[in-house]
């Protein structure tokens, strides 16, 4: 009987009305259970994490269908965006990709095995290594970048162009401020350490 009474609202903690947006429920629960706890970040950080997971998973599916992984997409994209002759030093690849020298080395080795890039020593600099996009790598990135960017444009088309621009500006401010506060300007793939 006690359970029936509680279920009908006759005992125990009253049930809050379900929010159509679960993040609001999380913030309200913390406010109820720990009055004074700052909860304003929940409405921003939680959806960013959720979006990062959804967008990252979707991008991996698109890339898997194209026969590519996120790290290879990043490498080939950086080379393609560099313009002809689509060649950069490994140091420049690391700077533009915002990854470590070790990560660049692994990415280049894998892409070279797949015939997507070639590596050669830099002229006049004994320790410089140049990485160049091959015709096969060029063809793959041309096809893949269209798939990825069209899909991501589709995923954000629920926002007007003005809203997209506003959100991009706010996210840039938040990212730069967070990097400054953490003293960390590295950015990798979602979920990478």
Protein backbone atom coordinates (compact mmCIF):
# COMPACT_ATOMS: atom_id res chain seq x y z
CA UNK A 1 0.00 0.00 0.00
CA UNK A 2 2.81 2.40 0.82
CA UNK A 3 4.18 2.07 -2.71
CA UNK A 4 0.80 2.81 -4.27
CA UNK A 5 0.45 5.84 -2.02
CA UNK A 6 3.92 7.12 -2.98
CA UNK A 7 3.24 6.52 -6.68
CA UNK A 8 0.08 8.56 -6.41
CA UNK A 9 1.96 11.35 -4.71
CA UNK A 10 0.74 10.47 -1.22
CA UNK A 11 4.22 9.98 0.26
CA UNK A 12 7.92 10.29 -0.38
CA UNK A 13 9.49 12.99 -2.49
CA UNK A 14 7.11 14.64 -4.97
CA UNK A 15 7.98 13.88 -8.57
CA UNK A 16 8.99 16.88 -10.62
CA UNK A 17 7.40 17.32 -13.99
CA UNK A 18 9.61 15.83 -16.66
CA UNK A 19 11.45 18.47 -18.63
CA UNK A 20 11.54 18.16 -22.41
CA UNK A 21 15.28 18.90 -22.14
CA UNK A 22 17.10 16.52 -19.73
CA UNK A 23 19.92 18.99 -19.07
CA UNK A 24 17.41 21.22 -17.27
CA UNK A 25 16.43 18.25 -15.10
CA UNK A 26 20.07 17.65 -14.16
CA UNK A 27 20.59 21.28 -13.17
CA UNK A 28 17.30 21.39 -11.22
CA UNK A 29 18.18 18.20 -9.35
CA UNK A 30 21.58 19.58 -8.28
CA UNK A 31 19.95 22.85 -7.21
CA UNK A 32 17.40 20.89 -5.18
CA UNK A 33 19.93 18.53 -3.60
CA UNK A 34 22.76 21.03 -3.11
CA UNK A 35 21.37 24.56 -2.90
CA UNK A 36 24.01 27.10 -3.82
CA UNK A 37 25.98 24.74 -6.07
CA UNK A 38 26.84 26.55 -9.31
CA UNK A 39 24.90 24.81 -12.06
CA UNK A 40 25.02 27.31 -14.92
CA UNK A 41 27.78 25.34 -16.68
CA UNK A 42 25.56 22.25 -16.96
CA UNK A 43 23.40 23.86 -19.64
CA UNK A 44 26.50 24.55 -21.74
CA UNK A 45 29.08 21.84 -21.01
CA UNK A 46 26.68 18.87 -21.02
CA UNK A 47 25.21 19.63 -24.48
CA UNK A 48 28.71 20.30 -25.84
CA UNK A 49 29.83 16.85 -24.62
CA UNK A 50 26.66 15.26 -26.02
CA UNK A 51 27.10 17.02 -29.38
CA UNK A 52 30.79 16.11 -29.51
CA UNK A 53 29.87 12.45 -29.01
CA UNK A 54 27.06 12.50 -31.59
CA UNK A 55 29.07 14.45 -34.18
CA UNK A 56 32.22 12.39 -33.61
CA UNK A 57 30.33 9.10 -33.95
CA UNK A 58 28.56 10.31 -37.09
CA UNK A 59 31.83 11.54 -38.65
CA UNK A 60 33.46 8.16 -37.93
CA UNK A 61 30.55 6.39 -39.68
CA UNK A 62 30.82 8.68 -42.73
CA UNK A 63 34.59 8.13 -42.83
CA UNK A 64 34.27 4.36 -42.40
CA UNK A 65 31.98 4.24 -45.44
CA UNK A 66 34.65 6.22 -47.33
CA UNK A 67 37.40 3.89 -46.11
CA UNK A 68 39.15 6.47 -43.94
CA UNK A 69 39.73 7.22 -40.25
CA UNK A 70 39.68 10.66 -38.51
CA UNK A 71 43.47 10.90 -38.17
CA UNK A 72 44.01 10.20 -41.88
CA UNK A 73 41.30 12.72 -42.77
CA UNK A 74 43.11 15.31 -40.68
CA UNK A 75 46.48 14.58 -42.30
CA UNK A 76 45.19 14.59 -45.88
CA UNK A 77 43.04 17.67 -45.23
CA UNK A 78 45.99 19.67 -43.91
CA UNK A 79 48.07 18.72 -46.96
CA UNK A 80 45.20 19.49 -49.39
CA UNK A 81 44.46 22.88 -47.79
CA UNK A 82 48.14 23.84 -48.04
CA UNK A 83 47.76 24.29 -51.80
CA UNK A 84 49.97 23.03 -54.57
CA UNK A 85 52.32 21.19 -54.45
CA UNK A 86 50.47 19.77 -51.39
CA UNK A 87 53.74 19.31 -49.50
CA UNK A 88 54.59 20.24 -45.92
CA UNK A 89 57.32 19.44 -43.43
CA UNK A 90 56.42 17.08 -40.60
CA UNK A 91 56.94 20.01 -38.21
CA UNK A 92 54.42 22.12 -40.14
CA UNK A 93 51.99 19.20 -40.26
CA UNK A 94 52.18 18.96 -36.46
CA UNK A 95 51.65 22.69 -36.04
CA UNK A 96 48.67 22.82 -38.40
CA UNK A 97 47.14 19.58 -37.07
CA UNK A 98 47.81 20.58 -33.46
CA UNK A 99 49.17 17.12 -32.65
CA UNK A 100 52.52 15.88 -31.37
CA UNK A 101 55.47 14.93 -33.56
CA UNK A 102 54.88 11.30 -32.60
CA UNK A 103 51.26 11.46 -33.77
CA UNK A 104 52.34 13.04 -37.06
CA UNK A 105 54.93 10.30 -37.57
CA UNK A 106 52.34 7.56 -36.99
CA UNK A 107 49.80 9.21 -39.29
CA UNK A 108 52.33 9.74 -42.06
CA UNK A 109 53.66 6.17 -41.81
CA UNK A 110 50.14 4.72 -42.06
CA UNK A 111 49.15 7.00 -44.97
CA UNK A 112 52.43 6.21 -46.76
CA UNK A 113 51.75 2.44 -46.46
CA UNK A 114 48.33 3.10 -48.02
CA UNK A 115 49.89 5.07 -50.91
CA UNK A 116 48.23 8.34 -49.87
CA UNK A 117 51.41 10.33 -49.16
CA UNK A 118 55.13 10.10 -49.85
CA UNK A 119 57.99 11.17 -47.62
CA UNK A 120 61.41 12.51 -48.57
CA UNK A 121 64.25 14.42 -46.93
CA UNK A 122 64.12 18.19 -47.11
CA UNK A 123 66.70 19.87 -49.32
CA UNK A 124 69.55 21.52 -47.41
CA UNK A 125 68.14 20.54 -44.02
CA UNK A 126 69.36 17.15 -42.84
CA UNK A 127 66.59 16.48 -40.29
CA UNK A 128 63.69 17.97 -42.25
CA UNK A 129 61.17 15.54 -43.70
CA UNK A 130 58.75 16.61 -46.44
CA UNK A 131 55.38 14.90 -46.79
CA UNK A 132 53.54 15.14 -50.11
CA UNK A 133 50.01 14.16 -51.06
CA UNK A 134 49.97 11.50 -53.80
CA UNK A 135 47.38 11.48 -56.62
CA UNK A 136 45.56 8.66 -54.77
CA UNK A 137 45.57 10.72 -51.56
CA UNK A 138 44.33 13.77 -53.47
CA UNK A 139 41.46 11.80 -55.01
CA UNK A 140 40.50 10.28 -51.65
CA UNK A 141 40.46 13.61 -49.79
CA UNK A 142 38.50 15.30 -52.58
CA UNK A 143 35.76 12.67 -52.36
CA UNK A 144 35.79 12.37 -48.59
CA UNK A 145 35.80 16.05 -47.65
CA UNK A 146 32.63 16.57 -49.70
CA UNK A 147 30.91 13.71 -47.89
CA UNK A 148 31.98 14.94 -44.45
CA UNK A 149 31.20 18.62 -44.96
CA UNK A 150 27.86 18.02 -46.68
CA UNK A 151 26.82 15.71 -43.84
CA UNK A 152 27.89 18.18 -41.14
CA UNK A 153 26.12 21.04 -42.94
CA UNK A 154 22.99 18.88 -42.94
CA UNK A 155 23.33 18.22 -39.21
CA UNK A 156 23.47 21.93 -38.32
CA UNK A 157 20.85 23.16 -40.79
CA UNK A 158 18.30 23.41 -37.97
CA UNK A 159 20.00 26.72 -37.18
CA UNK A 160 19.60 29.73 -39.44
CA UNK A 161 22.76 31.10 -41.06
CA UNK A 162 22.71 33.97 -38.54
CA UNK A 163 22.40 31.52 -35.63
CA UNK A 164 25.23 29.41 -37.04
CA UNK A 165 27.45 32.48 -37.26
CA UNK A 166 26.54 33.57 -33.73
CA UNK A 167 27.14 30.09 -32.31
CA UNK A 168 30.49 29.80 -34.12
CA UNK A 169 31.58 33.11 -32.60
CA UNK A 170 30.50 32.14 -29.09
CA UNK A 171 32.19 28.73 -29.34
CA UNK A 172 35.41 30.38 -30.54
CA UNK A 173 35.35 32.72 -27.51
CA UNK A 174 34.61 29.84 -25.13
CA UNK A 175 37.32 27.62 -26.63
CA UNK A 176 40.00 30.31 -26.53
CA UNK A 177 39.12 31.31 -22.97
CA UNK A 178 39.09 27.68 -21.82
CA UNK A 179 42.47 27.05 -23.47
CA UNK A 180 43.87 30.13 -21.74
CA UNK A 181 42.51 29.08 -18.34
CA UNK A 182 43.83 25.54 -18.73
CA UNK A 183 47.13 26.62 -20.29
CA UNK A 184 46.52 24.09 -23.04
CA UNK A 185 46.13 25.01 -26.70
CA UNK A 186 46.26 21.46 -28.05
CA UNK A 187 43.20 20.21 -29.87
CA UNK A 188 42.87 16.63 -31.00
CA UNK A 189 40.07 14.40 -32.15
CA UNK A 190 37.11 14.09 -29.81
CA UNK A 191 37.92 11.59 -27.09
CA UNK A 192 41.68 11.58 -27.75
CA UNK A 193 43.95 12.06 -24.78
